[in-house]
Amino acid sequence: MRSPSGYTFIELCVVLVLAGLMVVLAVPRFNAALFTDDLKTSVRKLVATIKVLKNEAVRERVVYRLHLDMTSNRVWYDSELMDRDEAPERNAARLPEGIHILDVHCVGGEKTAGGESVIHIDPKGYVQPAVIHVGSDRGEVYTLVLTPFLEKIGILEGYVSFAR
């Protein structure tokens, strides 16, 4: 009787097929994660900025204004306590290359797709109701939904608009 000292051809083929299947399933997800990283990071930073401003407005008992400049692709904030001319230079953040604020729709106002839009946060931490669309050059879009009385900011994948 002969004892097996290696793998059979069938065993090797099964292992290669399974490894190939794993690669085929993993590569598209890896590519998607690589290409959407800047967009997801930008959305997370914008949400974090809004949350910090809500907390600061309550702590300092002042109105904060979040400025979204779609022309220069910058985001900054100011408050009643800050010098309005210095604020953009002190705390402006430029979105990464290929990431853009597509439009901002503040409830009670028109949708702004160019120029600058301002979202107000009052001293009680209530944010002005608004919908912000952030997208990439590859056509990916996220929708941020700001509601005055909810702590959580809604993040929706895709371009979502709401009826008036």
C-alpha atoms as a PDB file:
ATOM      1  CA  MET A   1       0.000   0.000   0.000  1.00  0.00           C
ATOM      2  CA  ARG A   2       1.184   3.415  -0.968  1.00  0.00           C
ATOM      3  CA  SER A   3       0.791   6.376   1.434  1.00  0.00           C
ATOM      4  CA  PRO A   4      -0.128   9.691  -0.167  1.00  0.00           C
ATOM      5  CA  SER A   5       2.766  12.106  -0.049  1.00  0.00           C
ATOM      6  CA  GLY A   6       1.300  15.052  -1.972  1.00  0.00           C
ATOM      7  CA  TYR A   7      -1.820  16.636  -3.352  1.00  0.00           C
ATOM      8  CA  THR A   8      -3.763  15.234  -6.247  1.00  0.00           C
ATOM      9  CA  PHE A   9      -4.396  17.162  -9.416  1.00  0.00           C
ATOM     10  CA  ILE A  10      -8.109  17.545  -8.512  1.00  0.00           C
ATOM     11  CA  GLU A  11      -7.283  19.003  -5.095  1.00  0.00           C
ATOM     12  CA  LEU A  12      -4.979  21.567  -6.678  1.00  0.00           C
ATOM     13  CA  CYS A  13      -7.638  22.523  -9.250  1.00  0.00           C
ATOM     14  CA  VAL A  14     -10.277  23.014  -6.537  1.00  0.00           C
ATOM     15  CA  VAL A  15      -7.946  25.267  -4.537  1.00  0.00           C
ATOM     16  CA  LEU A  16      -7.107  27.354  -7.630  1.00  0.00           C
ATOM     17  CA  VAL A  17     -10.796  27.736  -8.545  1.00  0.00           C
ATOM     18  CA  LEU A  18     -11.666  28.870  -5.002  1.00  0.00           C
ATOM     19  CA  ALA A  19      -8.759  31.342  -4.925  1.00  0.00           C
ATOM     20  CA  GLY A  20      -9.781  32.727  -8.315  1.00  0.00           C
ATOM     21  CA  LEU A  21     -13.374  33.104  -7.162  1.00  0.00           C
ATOM     22  CA  MET A  22     -12.261  35.034  -4.081  1.00  0.00           C
ATOM     23  CA  VAL A  23     -10.164  37.395  -6.214  1.00  0.00           C
ATOM     24  CA  VAL A  24     -13.021  37.994  -8.667  1.00  0.00           C
ATOM     25  CA  LEU A  25     -15.395  38.876  -5.819  1.00  0.00           C
ATOM     26  CA  ALA A  26     -12.934  41.022  -3.834  1.00  0.00           C
ATOM     27  CA  VAL A  27     -11.391  43.201  -6.583  1.00  0.00           C
ATOM     28  CA  PRO A  28     -14.555  45.198  -7.495  1.00  0.00           C
ATOM     29  CA  ARG A  29     -15.169  46.034  -3.831  1.00  0.00           C
ATOM     30  CA  PHE A  30     -11.555  47.051  -3.386  1.00  0.00           C
ATOM     31  CA  ASN A  31     -11.759  49.302  -6.477  1.00  0.00           C
ATOM     32  CA  ALA A  32     -14.982  50.932  -5.254  1.00  0.00           C
ATOM     33  CA  ALA A  33     -13.466  51.572  -1.835  1.00  0.00           C
ATOM     34  CA  LEU A  34     -10.371  53.103  -3.415  1.00  0.00           C
ATOM     35  CA  PHE A  35     -12.285  55.474  -5.693  1.00  0.00           C
ATOM     36  CA  THR A  36     -14.933  56.662  -3.219  1.00  0.00           C
ATOM     37  CA  ASP A  37     -12.567  57.248  -0.325  1.00  0.00           C
ATOM     38  CA  ASP A  38     -12.141  61.024  -0.934  1.00  0.00           C
ATOM     39  CA  LEU A  39     -15.889  61.513  -1.292  1.00  0.00           C
ATOM     40  CA  LYS A  40     -16.739  59.547   1.850  1.00  0.00           C
ATOM     41  CA  THR A  41     -14.002  61.309   3.803  1.00  0.00           C
ATOM     42  CA  SER A  42     -15.240  64.716   2.670  1.00  0.00           C
ATOM     43  CA  VAL A  43     -18.818  63.879   3.646  1.00  0.00           C
ATOM     44  CA  ARG A  44     -17.691  62.648   7.071  1.00  0.00           C
ATOM     45  CA  LYS A  45     -15.639  65.808   7.647  1.00  0.00           C
ATOM     46  CA  LEU A  46     -18.571  68.032   6.657  1.00  0.00           C
ATOM     47  CA  VAL A  47     -20.889  66.157   9.036  1.00  0.00           C
ATOM     48  CA  ALA A  48     -18.305  66.409  11.835  1.00  0.00           C
ATOM     49  CA  THR A  49     -17.930  70.154  11.222  1.00  0.00           C
ATOM     50  CA  ILE A  50     -21.685  70.673  11.473  1.00  0.00           C
ATOM     51  CA  LYS A  51     -21.856  68.683  14.717  1.00  0.00           C
ATOM     52  CA  VAL A  52     -18.986  70.675  16.229  1.00  0.00           C
ATOM     53  CA  LEU A  53     -20.649  73.962  15.217  1.00  0.00           C
ATOM     54  CA  LYS A  54     -23.922  72.863  16.826  1.00  0.00           C
ATOM     55  CA  ASN A  55     -22.082  72.157  20.079  1.00  0.00           C
ATOM     56  CA  GLU A  56     -20.130  75.422  19.926  1.00  0.00           C
ATOM     57  CA  ALA A  57     -23.310  77.428  19.269  1.00  0.00           C
ATOM     58  CA  VAL A  58     -24.885  75.985  22.415  1.00  0.00           C
ATOM     59  CA  ARG A  59     -21.731  76.389  24.495  1.00  0.00           C
ATOM     60  CA  GLU A  60     -21.058  79.990  23.459  1.00  0.00           C
ATOM     61  CA  ARG A  61     -24.758  80.923  23.019  1.00  0.00           C
ATOM     62  CA  VAL A  62     -24.190  82.568  19.640  1.00  0.00           C
ATOM     63  CA  VAL A  63     -25.328  82.013  16.063  1.00  0.00           C
ATOM     64  CA  TYR A  64     -22.873  80.171  13.852  1.00  0.00           C
ATOM     65  CA  ARG A  65     -22.960  80.322  10.058  1.00  0.00           C
ATOM     66  CA  LEU A  66     -21.647  77.527   7.860  1.00  0.00           C
ATOM     67  CA  HIS A  67     -20.572  78.871   4.463  1.00  0.00           C
ATOM     68  CA  LEU A  68     -20.544  76.505   1.485  1.00  0.00           C
ATOM     69  CA  ASP A  69     -18.827  78.112  -1.501  1.00  0.00           C
ATOM     70  CA  MET A  70     -19.557  76.069  -4.614  1.00  0.00           C
ATOM     71  CA  THR A  71     -17.429  78.284  -6.868  1.00  0.00           C
ATOM     72  CA  SER A  72     -14.145  77.946  -4.976  1.00  0.00           C
ATOM     73  CA  ASN A  73     -15.067  74.536  -3.480  1.00  0.00           C
ATOM     74  CA  ARG A  74     -14.442  75.734   0.081  1.00  0.00           C
ATOM     75  CA  VAL A  75     -16.259  75.357   3.385  1.00  0.00           C
ATOM     76  CA  TRP A  76     -15.807  77.698   6.345  1.00  0.00           C
ATOM     77  CA  TYR A  77     -17.712  79.052   9.315  1.00  0.00           C
ATOM     78  CA  ASP A  78     -18.051  82.195  11.347  1.00  0.00           C
ATOM     79  CA  SER A  79     -20.039  83.421  14.327  1.00  0.00           C
ATOM     80  CA  GLU A  80     -21.188  86.675  15.871  1.00  0.00           C
ATOM     81  CA  LEU A  81     -17.974  86.669  17.935  1.00  0.00           C
ATOM     82  CA  MET A  82     -15.608  86.335  14.965  1.00  0.00           C
ATOM     83  CA  ASP A  83     -14.368  88.957  12.562  1.00  0.00           C
ATOM     84  CA  ARG A  84     -16.281  88.129   9.359  1.00  0.00           C
ATOM     85  CA  ASP A  85     -13.356  89.098   7.115  1.00  0.00           C
ATOM     86  CA  GLU A  86     -10.858  86.863   8.902  1.00  0.00           C
ATOM     87  CA  ALA A  87     -13.066  83.767   9.282  1.00  0.00           C
ATOM     88  CA  PRO A  88     -12.679  82.418   5.719  1.00  0.00           C
ATOM     89  CA  GLU A  89      -8.912  82.693   5.916  1.00  0.00           C
ATOM     90  CA  ARG A  90      -8.644  81.180   9.401  1.00  0.00           C
ATOM     91  CA  ASN A  91     -10.850  78.125   9.148  1.00  0.00           C
ATOM     92  CA  ALA A  92     -11.569  77.527   5.452  1.00  0.00           C
ATOM     93  CA  ALA A  93     -11.226  73.975   4.209  1.00  0.00           C
ATOM     94  CA  ARG A  94     -10.957  73.196   0.517  1.00  0.00           C
ATOM     95  CA  LEU A  95     -12.539  69.978  -0.696  1.00  0.00           C
ATOM     96  CA  PRO A  96     -10.175  67.486  -2.366  1.00  0.00           C
ATOM     97  CA  GLU A  97      -9.646  67.536  -6.121  1.00  0.00           C
ATOM     98  CA  GLY A  98     -12.598  65.919  -7.881  1.00  0.00           C
ATOM     99  CA  ILE A  99     -15.037  66.449  -4.968  1.00  0.00           C
ATOM    100  CA  HIS A 100     -17.656  69.203  -5.266  1.00  0.00           C
ATOM    101  CA  ILE A 101     -20.637  70.630  -3.444  1.00  0.00           C
ATOM    102  CA  LEU A 102     -23.241  70.227  -6.164  1.00  0.00           C
ATOM    103  CA  ASP A 103     -26.033  72.271  -4.606  1.00  0.00           C
ATOM    104  CA  VAL A 104     -27.608  73.346  -1.334  1.00  0.00           C
ATOM    105  CA  HIS A 105     -31.340  73.646  -0.742  1.00  0.00           C
ATOM    106  CA  CYS A 106     -32.317  75.461   2.450  1.00  0.00           C
ATOM    107  CA  VAL A 107     -35.962  74.988   3.409  1.00  0.00           C
ATOM    108  CA  GLY A 108     -37.853  78.191   2.714  1.00  0.00           C
ATOM    109  CA  GLY A 109     -35.300  79.287   0.126  1.00  0.00           C
ATOM    110  CA  GLU A 110     -34.233  78.442  -3.386  1.00  0.00           C
ATOM    111  CA  LYS A 111     -31.819  75.714  -4.361  1.00  0.00           C
ATOM    112  CA  THR A 112     -28.338  77.184  -4.805  1.00  0.00           C
ATOM    113  CA  ALA A 113     -26.162  75.424  -7.378  1.00  0.00           C
ATOM    114  CA  GLY A 114     -23.422  78.047  -7.636  1.00  0.00           C
ATOM    115  CA  GLY A 115     -21.863  80.774  -5.584  1.00  0.00           C
ATOM    116  CA  GLU A 116     -22.189  80.670  -1.821  1.00  0.00           C
ATOM    117  CA  SER A 117     -24.858  79.253   0.452  1.00  0.00           C
ATOM    118  CA  VAL A 118     -25.059  79.887   4.209  1.00  0.00           C
ATOM    119  CA  ILE A 119     -26.616  77.572   6.780  1.00  0.00           C
ATOM    120  CA  HIS A 120     -27.428  79.067  10.190  1.00  0.00           C
ATOM    121  CA  ILE A 121     -27.071  77.289  13.515  1.00  0.00           C
ATOM    122  CA  ASP A 122     -28.836  79.060  16.380  1.00  0.00           C
ATOM    123  CA  PRO A 123     -27.707  79.326  20.027  1.00  0.00           C
ATOM    124  CA  LYS A 124     -29.888  76.365  21.018  1.00  0.00           C
ATOM    125  CA  GLY A 125     -28.042  74.146  18.523  1.00  0.00           C
ATOM    126  CA  TYR A 126     -30.879  73.996  16.011  1.00  0.00           C
ATOM    127  CA  VAL A 127     -29.577  73.860  12.481  1.00  0.00           C
ATOM    128  CA  GLN A 128     -31.439  75.452   9.595  1.00  0.00           C
ATOM    129  CA  PRO A 129     -33.224  72.690   7.666  1.00  0.00           C
ATOM    130  CA  ALA A 130     -31.284  72.018   4.488  1.00  0.00           C
ATOM    131  CA  VAL A 131     -30.247  69.405   1.954  1.00  0.00           C
ATOM    132  CA  ILE A 132     -26.628  69.387   0.745  1.00  0.00           C
ATOM    133  CA  HIS A 133     -25.514  67.343  -2.262  1.00  0.00           C
ATOM    134  CA  VAL A 134     -21.824  66.426  -2.444  1.00  0.00           C
ATOM    135  CA  GLY A 135     -20.471  64.579  -5.472  1.00  0.00           C
ATOM    136  CA  SER A 136     -17.374  63.424  -7.268  1.00  0.00           C
ATOM    137  CA  ASP A 137     -16.193  63.733 -10.862  1.00  0.00           C
ATOM    138  CA  ARG A 138     -16.992  60.023 -11.277  1.00  0.00           C
ATOM    139  CA  GLY A 139     -20.715  60.688 -10.795  1.00  0.00           C
ATOM    140  CA  GLU A 140     -21.025  59.425  -7.211  1.00  0.00           C
ATOM    141  CA  VAL A 141     -23.251  61.582  -4.996  1.00  0.00           C
ATOM    142  CA  TYR A 142     -24.164  61.761  -1.312  1.00  0.00           C
ATOM    143  CA  THR A 143     -27.081  63.711   0.132  1.00  0.00           C
ATOM    144  CA  LEU A 144     -26.819  65.277   3.603  1.00  0.00           C
ATOM    145  CA  VAL A 145     -30.131  66.038   5.304  1.00  0.00           C
ATOM    146  CA  LEU A 146     -30.011  68.625   8.102  1.00  0.00           C
ATOM    147  CA  THR A 147     -33.019  68.766  10.399  1.00  0.00           C
ATOM    148  CA  PRO A 148     -33.344  71.248  13.268  1.00  0.00           C
ATOM    149  CA  PHE A 149     -34.468  68.984  16.087  1.00  0.00           C
ATOM    150  CA  LEU A 150     -32.547  65.803  15.395  1.00  0.00           C
ATOM    151  CA  GLU A 151     -29.019  65.277  16.640  1.00  0.00           C
ATOM    152  CA  LYS A 152     -28.152  62.949  13.767  1.00  0.00           C
ATOM    153  CA  ILE A 153     -27.447  64.273  10.286  1.00  0.00           C
ATOM    154  CA  GLY A 154     -28.916  62.075   7.566  1.00  0.00           C
ATOM    155  CA  ILE A 155     -26.444  60.730   5.003  1.00  0.00           C
ATOM    156  CA  LEU A 156     -28.052  59.177   1.944  1.00  0.00           C
ATOM    157  CA  GLU A 157     -26.253  57.578  -0.965  1.00  0.00           C
ATOM    158  CA  GLY A 158     -27.266  59.093  -4.291  1.00  0.00           C
ATOM    159  CA  TYR A 159     -28.930  62.370  -5.259  1.00  0.00           C
ATOM    160  CA  VAL A 160     -32.097  62.630  -3.183  1.00  0.00           C
ATOM    161  CA  SER A 161     -34.371  65.668  -3.443  1.00  0.00           C
ATOM    162  CA  PHE A 162     -37.409  66.363  -1.344  1.00  0.00           C
ATOM    163  CA  ALA A 163     -40.742  67.859  -2.390  1.00  0.00           C
ATOM    164  CA  ARG A 164     -41.550  71.274  -1.029  1.00  0.00           C
END
